[in-house]
PDB file of all heavy atoms in Angstrom:
ATOM      1  N   ALA A   1    -191.808  60.688  26.689  1.00  0.00           N
ATOM      2  CA  ALA A   1    -192.273  60.253  25.370  1.00  0.00           C
ATOM      3  C   ALA A   1    -191.991  61.345  24.267  1.00  0.00           C
ATOM      4  O   ALA A   1    -191.575  60.984  23.264  1.00  0.00           O
ATOM      5  CB  ALA A   1    -193.897  59.917  25.437  1.00  0.00           C
ATOM      6  N   MET A   2    -192.278  62.517  24.664  1.00  0.00           N
ATOM      7  CA  MET A   2    -191.984  63.590  23.714  1.00  0.00           C
ATOM      8  C   MET A   2    -190.572  63.731  23.384  1.00  0.00           C
ATOM      9  O   MET A   2    -190.130  63.957  22.222  1.00  0.00           O
ATOM     10  CB  MET A   2    -192.496  64.917  24.265  1.00  0.00           C
ATOM     11  CG  MET A   2    -192.402  66.093  23.255  1.00  0.00           C
ATOM     12  SD  MET A   2    -192.906  67.696  23.889  1.00  0.00           S
ATOM     13  CE  MET A   2    -194.629  67.391  24.456  1.00  0.00           C
ATOM     14  N   ASP A   3    -189.600  63.590  24.445  1.00  0.00           N
ATOM     15  CA  ASP A   3    -188.277  63.595  24.192  1.00  0.00           C
ATOM     16  C   ASP A   3    -187.739  62.504  23.257  1.00  0.00           C
ATOM     17  O   ASP A   3    -187.003  62.700  22.364  1.00  0.00           O
ATOM     18  CB  ASP A   3    -187.455  63.492  25.561  1.00  0.00           C
ATOM     19  CG  ASP A   3    -187.450  64.760  26.278  1.00  0.00           C
ATOM     20  OD1 ASP A   3    -187.708  65.802  25.770  1.00  0.00           O
ATOM     21  OD2 ASP A   3    -187.183  64.645  27.538  1.00  0.00           O
ATOM     22  N   ARG A   4    -188.367  61.299  23.450  1.00  0.00           N
ATOM     23  CA  ARG A   4    -188.067  60.075  22.491  1.00  0.00           C
ATOM     24  C   ARG A   4    -188.434  60.466  21.039  1.00  0.00           C
ATOM     25  O   ARG A   4    -187.701  60.226  20.111  1.00  0.00           O
ATOM     26  CB  ARG A   4    -188.644  58.887  22.944  1.00  0.00           C
ATOM     27  CG  ARG A   4    -187.971  58.255  24.255  1.00  0.00           C
ATOM     28  CD  ARG A   4    -188.566  56.912  24.545  1.00  0.00           C
ATOM     29  NE  ARG A   4    -189.903  56.935  24.862  1.00  0.00           N
ATOM     30  CZ  ARG A   4    -190.443  57.142  26.061  1.00  0.00           C
ATOM     31  NH1 ARG A   4    -189.705  57.381  27.038  1.00  0.00           N
ATOM     32  NH2 ARG A   4    -191.795  57.002  26.315  1.00  0.00           N
ATOM     33  N   ARG A   5    -189.642  61.045  20.985  1.00  0.00           N
ATOM     34  CA  ARG A   5    -190.097  61.462  19.592  1.00  0.00           C
ATOM     35  C   ARG A   5    -189.233  62.517  18.928  1.00  0.00           C
ATOM     36  O   ARG A   5    -188.895  62.431  17.829  1.00  0.00           O
ATOM     37  CB  ARG A   5    -191.533  61.893  19.635  1.00  0.00           C
ATOM     38  CG  ARG A   5    -192.474  60.763  19.754  1.00  0.00           C
ATOM     39  CD  ARG A   5    -193.941  61.232  19.600  1.00  0.00           C
ATOM     40  NE  ARG A   5    -194.642  60.880  20.876  1.00  0.00           N
ATOM     41  CZ  ARG A   5    -195.467  61.636  21.548  1.00  0.00           C
ATOM     42  NH1 ARG A   5    -195.715  62.892  21.175  1.00  0.00           N
ATOM     43  NH2 ARG A   5    -195.982  61.160  22.613  1.00  0.00           N
ATOM     44  N   LEU A   6    -188.791  63.457  19.760  1.00  0.00           N
ATOM     45  CA  LEU A   6    -188.053  64.577  19.201  1.00  0.00           C
ATOM     46  C   LEU A   6    -186.556  63.887  18.889  1.00  0.00           C
ATOM     47  O   LEU A   6    -186.021  64.417  17.835  1.00  0.00           O
ATOM     48  CB  LEU A   6    -187.713  65.691  20.268  1.00  0.00           C
ATOM     49  CG  LEU A   6    -189.047  66.520  20.408  1.00  0.00           C
ATOM     50  CD1 LEU A   6    -188.748  67.554  21.649  1.00  0.00           C
ATOM     51  CD2 LEU A   6    -189.329  67.298  19.221  1.00  0.00           C
ATOM     52  N   ASP A   7    -186.094  63.010  19.657  1.00  0.00           N
ATOM     53  CA  ASP A   7    -184.792  62.326  19.283  1.00  0.00           C
ATOM     54  C   ASP A   7    -184.939  61.713  17.936  1.00  0.00           C
ATOM     55  O   ASP A   7    -184.013  61.775  17.037  1.00  0.00           O
ATOM     56  CB  ASP A   7    -184.356  61.350  20.248  1.00  0.00           C
ATOM     57  CG  ASP A   7    -183.951  61.952  21.620  1.00  0.00           C
ATOM     58  OD1 ASP A   7    -183.590  63.209  21.592  1.00  0.00           O
ATOM     59  OD2 ASP A   7    -183.840  61.321  22.657  1.00  0.00           O
ATOM     60  N   GLY A   8    -186.023  61.015  17.626  1.00  0.00           N
ATOM     61  CA  GLY A   8    -186.303  60.402  16.431  1.00  0.00           C
ATOM     62  C   GLY A   8    -186.388  61.421  15.245  1.00  0.00           C
ATOM     63  O   GLY A   8    -185.881  61.179  14.210  1.00  0.00           O
ATOM     64  N   ILE A   9    -187.060  62.496  15.516  1.00  0.00           N
ATOM     65  CA  ILE A   9    -187.039  63.513  14.506  1.00  0.00           C
ATOM     66  C   ILE A   9    -185.764  64.121  14.167  1.00  0.00           C
ATOM     67  O   ILE A   9    -185.450  64.334  13.040  1.00  0.00           O
ATOM     68  CB  ILE A   9    -188.135  64.647  14.971  1.00  0.00           C
ATOM     69  CG1 ILE A   9    -189.561  64.063  15.002  1.00  0.00           C
ATOM     70  CG2 ILE A   9    -188.022  65.876  14.150  1.00  0.00           C
ATOM     71  CD1 ILE A   9    -190.545  64.989  15.602  1.00  0.00           C
ATOM     72  N   GLU A  10    -185.000  64.337  15.295  1.00  0.00           N
ATOM     73  CA  GLU A  10    -183.551  64.864  15.110  1.00  0.00           C
ATOM     74  C   GLU A  10    -182.769  63.862  14.180  1.00  0.00           C
ATOM     75  O   GLU A  10    -182.022  64.342  13.269  1.00  0.00           O
ATOM     76  CB  GLU A  10    -182.932  65.125  16.395  1.00  0.00           C
ATOM     77  CG  GLU A  10    -183.467  66.253  17.079  1.00  0.00           C
ATOM     78  CD  GLU A  10    -182.793  66.483  18.482  1.00  0.00           C
ATOM     79  OE1 GLU A  10    -181.980  65.596  18.916  1.00  0.00           O
ATOM     80  OE2 GLU A  10    -183.176  67.502  19.145  1.00  0.00           O
ATOM     81  N   ALA A  11    -182.987  62.601  14.418  1.00  0.00           N
ATOM     82  CA  ALA A  11    -182.242  61.637  13.534  1.00  0.00           C
ATOM     83  C   ALA A  11    -182.646  61.693  12.150  1.00  0.00           C
ATOM     84  O   ALA A  11    -181.859  61.608  11.226  1.00  0.00           O
ATOM     85  CB  ALA A  11    -182.340  60.286  14.152  1.00  0.00           C
ATOM     86  N   GLN A  12    -183.980  61.804  11.948  1.00  0.00           N
ATOM     87  CA  GLN A  12    -184.532  61.843  10.573  1.00  0.00           C
ATOM     88  C   GLN A  12    -183.995  63.154   9.898  1.00  0.00           C
ATOM     89  O   GLN A  12    -183.752  63.192   8.671  1.00  0.00           O
ATOM     90  CB  GLN A  12    -186.022  61.862  10.579  1.00  0.00           C
ATOM     91  CG  GLN A  12    -186.539  60.530  11.013  1.00  0.00           C
ATOM     92  CD  GLN A  12    -188.106  60.473  11.200  1.00  0.00           C
ATOM     93  OE1 GLN A  12    -188.747  61.523  11.153  1.00  0.00           O
ATOM     94  NE2 GLN A  12    -188.654  59.276  11.237  1.00  0.00           N
ATOM     95  N   LEU A  13    -184.018  64.265  10.651  1.00  0.00           N
ATOM     96  CA  LEU A  13    -183.514  65.555  10.030  1.00  0.00           C
ATOM     97  C   LEU A  13    -181.999  65.397   9.674  1.00  0.00           C
ATOM     98  O   LEU A  13    -181.593  65.988   8.630  1.00  0.00           O
ATOM     99  CB  LEU A  13    -183.705  66.676  11.029  1.00  0.00           C
ATOM    100  CG  LEU A  13    -185.161  67.182  11.235  1.00  0.00           C
ATOM    101  CD1 LEU A  13    -185.209  68.247  12.333  1.00  0.00           C
ATOM    102  CD2 LEU A  13    -185.516  67.749   9.849  1.00  0.00           C
ATOM    103  N   ALA A  14    -181.245  64.657  10.460  1.00  0.00           N
ATOM    104  CA  ALA A  14    -179.843  64.593  10.064  1.00  0.00           C
ATOM    105  C   ALA A  14    -179.731  63.674   8.757  1.00  0.00           C
ATOM    106  O   ALA A  14    -178.916  64.010   8.031  1.00  0.00           O
ATOM    107  CB  ALA A  14    -179.120  63.748  11.245  1.00  0.00           C
ATOM    108  N   GLU A  15    -180.488  62.668   8.737  1.00  0.00           N
ATOM    109  CA  GLU A  15    -180.537  61.965   7.440  1.00  0.00           C
ATOM    110  C   GLU A  15    -180.940  62.748   6.302  1.00  0.00           C
ATOM    111  O   GLU A  15    -180.382  62.632   5.179  1.00  0.00           O
ATOM    112  CB  GLU A  15    -181.430  60.708   7.578  1.00  0.00           C
ATOM    113  CG  GLU A  15    -180.911  59.644   8.522  1.00  0.00           C
ATOM    114  CD  GLU A  15    -181.885  58.475   8.610  1.00  0.00           C
ATOM    115  OE1 GLU A  15    -182.788  58.389   7.768  1.00  0.00           O
ATOM    116  OE2 GLU A  15    -181.712  57.717   9.606  1.00  0.00           O
ATOM    117  N   LEU A  16    -181.961  63.616   6.498  1.00  0.00           N
ATOM    118  CA  LEU A  16    -182.415  64.478   5.429  1.00  0.00           C
ATOM    119  C   LEU A  16    -181.428  65.433   4.933  1.00  0.00           C
ATOM    120  O   LEU A  16    -181.205  65.691   3.779  1.00  0.00           O
ATOM    121  CB  LEU A  16    -183.757  65.134   5.912  1.00  0.00           C
ATOM    122  CG  LEU A  16    -184.423  66.086   4.868  1.00  0.00           C
ATOM    123  CD1 LEU A  16    -184.851  65.350   3.654  1.00  0.00           C
ATOM    124  CD2 LEU A  16    -185.606  66.788   5.575  1.00  0.00           C
ATOM    125  N   ARG A  17    -180.700  66.027   5.936  1.00  0.00           N
ATOM    126  CA  ARG A  17    -179.617  66.919   5.621  1.00  0.00           C
ATOM    127  C   ARG A  17    -178.549  66.252   4.785  1.00  0.00           C
ATOM    128  O   ARG A  17    -177.991  66.929   3.871  1.00  0.00           O
ATOM    129  CB  ARG A  17    -179.037  67.565   6.862  1.00  0.00           C
ATOM    130  CG  ARG A  17    -179.898  68.614   7.534  1.00  0.00           C
ATOM    131  CD  ARG A  17    -179.240  69.150   8.800  1.00  0.00           C
ATOM    132  NE  ARG A  17    -180.152  70.098   9.459  1.00  0.00           N
ATOM    133  CZ  ARG A  17    -180.582  69.893  10.655  1.00  0.00           C
ATOM    134  NH1 ARG A  17    -180.189  68.835  11.337  1.00  0.00           N
ATOM    135  NH2 ARG A  17    -181.385  70.803  11.189  1.00  0.00           N
ATOM    136  N   GLN A  18    -178.146  65.084   5.203  1.00  0.00           N
ATOM    137  CA  GLN A  18    -177.157  64.319   4.417  1.00  0.00           C
ATOM    138  C   GLN A  18    -177.621  64.143   2.995  1.00  0.00           C
ATOM    139  O   GLN A  18    -176.923  64.258   2.058  1.00  0.00           O
ATOM    140  CB  GLN A  18    -176.849  63.023   5.131  1.00  0.00           C
ATOM    141  CG  GLN A  18    -176.067  63.153   6.349  1.00  0.00           C
ATOM    142  CD  GLN A  18    -175.882  61.759   7.099  1.00  0.00           C
ATOM    143  OE1 GLN A  18    -176.567  60.813   6.664  1.00  0.00           O
ATOM    144  NE2 GLN A  18    -175.093  61.774   8.059  1.00  0.00           N
ATOM    145  N   GLY A  19    -178.900  63.682   2.792  1.00  0.00           N
ATOM    146  CA  GLY A  19    -179.453  63.492   1.539  1.00  0.00           C
ATOM    147  C   GLY A  19    -179.494  64.759   0.681  1.00  0.00           C
ATOM    148  O   GLY A  19    -179.102  64.768  -0.504  1.00  0.00           O
ATOM    149  N   LEU A  20    -179.890  65.854   1.338  1.00  0.00           N
ATOM    150  CA  LEU A  20    -179.857  67.128   0.574  1.00  0.00           C
ATOM    151  C   LEU A  20    -178.443  67.600   0.202  1.00  0.00           C
ATOM    152  O   LEU A  20    -178.286  68.144  -0.912  1.00  0.00           O
ATOM    153  CB  LEU A  20    -180.620  68.194   1.421  1.00  0.00           C
ATOM    154  CG  LEU A  20    -182.088  68.105   1.593  1.00  0.00           C
ATOM    155  CD1 LEU A  20    -182.596  69.100   2.595  1.00  0.00           C
ATOM    156  CD2 LEU A  20    -182.698  68.278   0.245  1.00  0.00           C
ATOM    157  N   ALA A  21    -177.506  67.363   1.084  1.00  0.00           N
ATOM    158  CA  ALA A  21    -176.125  67.710   0.792  1.00  0.00           C
ATOM    159  C   ALA A  21    -175.553  66.873  -0.499  1.00  0.00           C
ATOM    160  O   ALA A  21    -175.011  67.453  -1.350  1.00  0.00           O
ATOM    161  CB  ALA A  21    -175.198  67.510   1.955  1.00  0.00           C
ATOM    162  N   ALA A  22    -175.945  65.667  -0.515  1.00  0.00           N
ATOM    163  CA  ALA A  22    -175.568  64.789  -1.546  1.00  0.00           C
ATOM    164  C   ALA A  22    -176.240  65.265  -2.879  1.00  0.00           C
ATOM    165  O   ALA A  22    -175.697  65.304  -3.945  1.00  0.00           O
ATOM    166  CB  ALA A  22    -175.938  63.307  -1.371  1.00  0.00           C
ATOM    167  N   LEU A  23    -177.595  65.592  -2.840  1.00  0.00           N
ATOM    168  CA  LEU A  23    -178.330  66.085  -3.982  1.00  0.00           C
ATOM    169  C   LEU A  23    -177.677  67.385  -4.476  1.00  0.00           C
ATOM    170  O   LEU A  23    -177.524  67.590  -5.653  1.00  0.00           O
ATOM    171  CB  LEU A  23    -179.736  66.241  -3.661  1.00  0.00           C
ATOM    172  CG  LEU A  23    -180.693  66.750  -4.656  1.00  0.00           C
ATOM    173  CD1 LEU A  23    -180.722  65.736  -5.924  1.00  0.00           C
ATOM    174  CD2 LEU A  23    -182.075  66.961  -4.145  1.00  0.00           C
ATOM    175  N   SER A  24    -177.397  68.212  -3.513  1.00  0.00           N
ATOM    176  CA  SER A  24    -176.842  69.508  -3.933  1.00  0.00           C
ATOM    177  C   SER A  24    -175.453  69.370  -4.590  1.00  0.00           C
ATOM    178  O   SER A  24    -175.171  69.969  -5.665  1.00  0.00           O
ATOM    179  CB  SER A  24    -176.573  70.402  -2.633  1.00  0.00           C
ATOM    180  OG  SER A  24    -175.963  71.555  -2.946  1.00  0.00           O
ATOM    181  N   ALA A  25    -174.644  68.410  -4.230  1.00  0.00           N
ATOM    182  CA  ALA A  25    -173.414  68.134  -4.736  1.00  0.00           C
ATOM    183  C   ALA A  25    -173.628  67.592  -6.257  1.00  0.00           C
ATOM    184  O   ALA A  25    -172.946  67.954  -7.189  1.00  0.00           O
ATOM    185  CB  ALA A  25    -172.557  67.098  -3.975  1.00  0.00           C
ATOM    186  N   ARG A  26    -174.542  66.652  -6.427  1.00  0.00           N
ATOM    187  CA  ARG A  26    -174.926  66.222  -7.756  1.00  0.00           C
ATOM    188  C   ARG A  26    -175.376  67.351  -8.675  1.00  0.00           C
ATOM    189  O   ARG A  26    -174.980  67.355  -9.904  1.00  0.00           O
ATOM    190  CB  ARG A  26    -175.969  65.114  -7.690  1.00  0.00           C
ATOM    191  CG  ARG A  26    -175.537  63.821  -7.149  1.00  0.00           C
ATOM    192  CD  ARG A  26    -176.588  62.824  -7.043  1.00  0.00           C
ATOM    193  NE  ARG A  26    -176.162  61.717  -6.266  1.00  0.00           N
ATOM    194  CZ  ARG A  26    -176.977  60.801  -5.749  1.00  0.00           C
ATOM    195  NH1 ARG A  26    -178.298  61.007  -5.881  1.00  0.00           N
ATOM    196  NH2 ARG A  26    -176.582  59.764  -5.062  1.00  0.00           N
ATOM    197  N   ILE A  27    -176.247  68.230  -8.156  1.00  0.00           N
ATOM    198  CA  ILE A  27    -176.721  69.324  -9.022  1.00  0.00           C
ATOM    199  C   ILE A  27    -175.552  70.287  -9.355  1.00  0.00           C
ATOM    200  O   ILE A  27    -175.504  70.616 -10.501  1.00  0.00           O
ATOM    201  CB  ILE A  27    -177.865  70.114  -8.248  1.00  0.00           C
ATOM    202  CG1 ILE A  27    -179.099  69.238  -8.075  1.00  0.00           C
ATOM    203  CG2 ILE A  27    -178.112  71.449  -8.937  1.00  0.00           C
ATOM    204  CD1 ILE A  27    -180.193  69.902  -7.199  1.00  0.00           C
ATOM    205  N   ASP A  28    -174.638  70.471  -8.400  1.00  0.00           N
ATOM    206  CA  ASP A  28    -173.457  71.294  -8.799  1.00  0.00           C
ATOM    207  C   ASP A  28    -172.618  70.688  -9.894  1.00  0.00           C
ATOM    208  O   ASP A  28    -172.228  71.320 -10.828  1.00  0.00           O
ATOM    209  CB  ASP A  28    -172.619  71.429  -7.487  1.00  0.00           C
ATOM    210  CG  ASP A  28    -173.187  72.389  -6.482  1.00  0.00           C
ATOM    211  OD1 ASP A  28    -174.145  73.088  -6.779  1.00  0.00           O
ATOM    212  OD2 ASP A  28    -172.711  72.348  -5.334  1.00  0.00           O
ATOM    213  N   ARG A  29    -172.418  69.355  -9.819  1.00  0.00           N
ATOM    214  CA  ARG A  29    -171.740  68.678 -10.911  1.00  0.00           C
ATOM    215  C   ARG A  29    -172.372  68.752 -12.235  1.00  0.00           C
ATOM    216  O   ARG A  29    -171.757  68.941 -13.282  1.00  0.00           O
ATOM    217  CB  ARG A  29    -171.493  67.141 -10.531  1.00  0.00           C
ATOM    218  CG  ARG A  29    -170.320  67.001  -9.513  1.00  0.00           C
ATOM    219  CD  ARG A  29    -169.988  65.606  -9.240  1.00  0.00           C
ATOM    220  NE  ARG A  29    -170.401  65.412  -7.816  1.00  0.00           N
ATOM    221  CZ  ARG A  29    -171.125  64.309  -7.346  1.00  0.00           C
ATOM    222  NH1 ARG A  29    -171.352  63.344  -8.155  1.00  0.00           N
ATOM    223  NH2 ARG A  29    -171.412  64.301  -6.098  1.00  0.00           N
ATOM    224  N   ILE A  30    -173.716  68.583 -12.237  1.00  0.00           N
ATOM    225  CA  ILE A  30    -174.435  68.724 -13.530  1.00  0.00           C
ATOM    226  C   ILE A  30    -174.374  70.095 -14.009  1.00  0.00           C
ATOM    227  O   ILE A  30    -174.212  70.325 -15.273  1.00  0.00           O
ATOM    228  CB  ILE A  30    -175.983  68.320 -13.255  1.00  0.00           C
ATOM    229  CG1 ILE A  30    -176.110  66.901 -12.928  1.00  0.00           C
ATOM    230  CG2 ILE A  30    -176.884  68.716 -14.393  1.00  0.00           C
ATOM    231  CD1 ILE A  30    -177.505  66.440 -12.440  1.00  0.00           C
ATOM    232  N   VAL A  31    -174.445  71.129 -13.188  1.00  0.00           N
ATOM    233  CA  VAL A  31    -174.312  72.532 -13.696  1.00  0.00           C
ATOM    234  C   VAL A  31    -172.976  72.764 -14.242  1.00  0.00           C
ATOM    235  O   VAL A  31    -172.756  73.354 -15.354  1.00  0.00           O
ATOM    236  CB  VAL A  31    -174.740  73.514 -12.481  1.00  0.00           C
ATOM    237  CG1 VAL A  31    -174.304  74.954 -12.933  1.00  0.00           C
ATOM    238  CG2 VAL A  31    -176.168  73.448 -12.118  1.00  0.00           C
ATOM    239  N   ILE A  32    -171.955  72.295 -13.578  1.00  0.00           N
ATOM    240  CA  ILE A  32    -170.596  72.384 -14.026  1.00  0.00           C
ATOM    241  C   ILE A  32    -170.435  71.801 -15.388  1.00  0.00           C
ATOM    242  O   ILE A  32    -169.825  72.298 -16.357  1.00  0.00           O
ATOM    243  CB  ILE A  32    -169.587  71.925 -13.026  1.00  0.00           C
ATOM    244  CG1 ILE A  32    -169.519  72.927 -11.765  1.00  0.00           C
ATOM    245  CG2 ILE A  32    -168.223  71.831 -13.641  1.00  0.00           C
ATOM    246  CD1 ILE A  32    -168.758  72.409 -10.600  1.00  0.00           C
ATOM    247  N   ALA A  33    -170.884  70.517 -15.565  1.00  0.00           N
ATOM    248  CA  ALA A  33    -170.878  69.787 -16.753  1.00  0.00           C
ATOM    249  C   ALA A  33    -171.527  70.522 -17.951  1.00  0.00           C
ATOM    250  O   ALA A  33    -171.056  70.612 -18.989  1.00  0.00           O
ATOM    251  CB  ALA A  33    -171.383  68.403 -16.647  1.00  0.00           C
ATOM    252  N   GLN A  34    -172.766  71.006 -17.630  1.00  0.00           N
ATOM    253  CA  GLN A  34    -173.481  71.741 -18.631  1.00  0.00           C
ATOM    254  C   GLN A  34    -172.712  73.033 -19.091  1.00  0.00           C
ATOM    255  O   GLN A  34    -172.699  73.362 -20.234  1.00  0.00           O
ATOM    256  CB  GLN A  34    -174.873  72.120 -18.181  1.00  0.00           C
ATOM    257  CG  GLN A  34    -175.849  70.881 -18.182  1.00  0.00           C
ATOM    258  CD  GLN A  34    -177.153  71.280 -17.642  1.00  0.00           C
ATOM    259  OE1 GLN A  34    -177.370  72.290 -17.052  1.00  0.00           O
ATOM    260  NE2 GLN A  34    -178.163  70.484 -17.980  1.00  0.00           N
ATOM    261  N   THR A  35    -172.235  73.744 -18.037  1.00  0.00           N
ATOM    262  CA  THR A  35    -171.438  74.972 -18.376  1.00  0.00           C
ATOM    263  C   THR A  35    -170.337  74.610 -19.234  1.00  0.00           C
ATOM    264  O   THR A  35    -170.041  75.346 -20.278  1.00  0.00           O
ATOM    265  CB  THR A  35    -171.084  75.714 -17.085  1.00  0.00           C
ATOM    266  OG1 THR A  35    -172.209  75.900 -16.278  1.00  0.00           O
ATOM    267  CG2 THR A  35    -170.287  76.948 -17.392  1.00  0.00           C
TER     268      THR A  35
END
């Protein structure tokens, strides 16, 4: 049961990393545009 929960957490972390990477790219574009 713990392994199944950890697999679910790993999947959520992967989604979170993708979301943070996309957010970071947007912030980079905003900073470049402002500069």
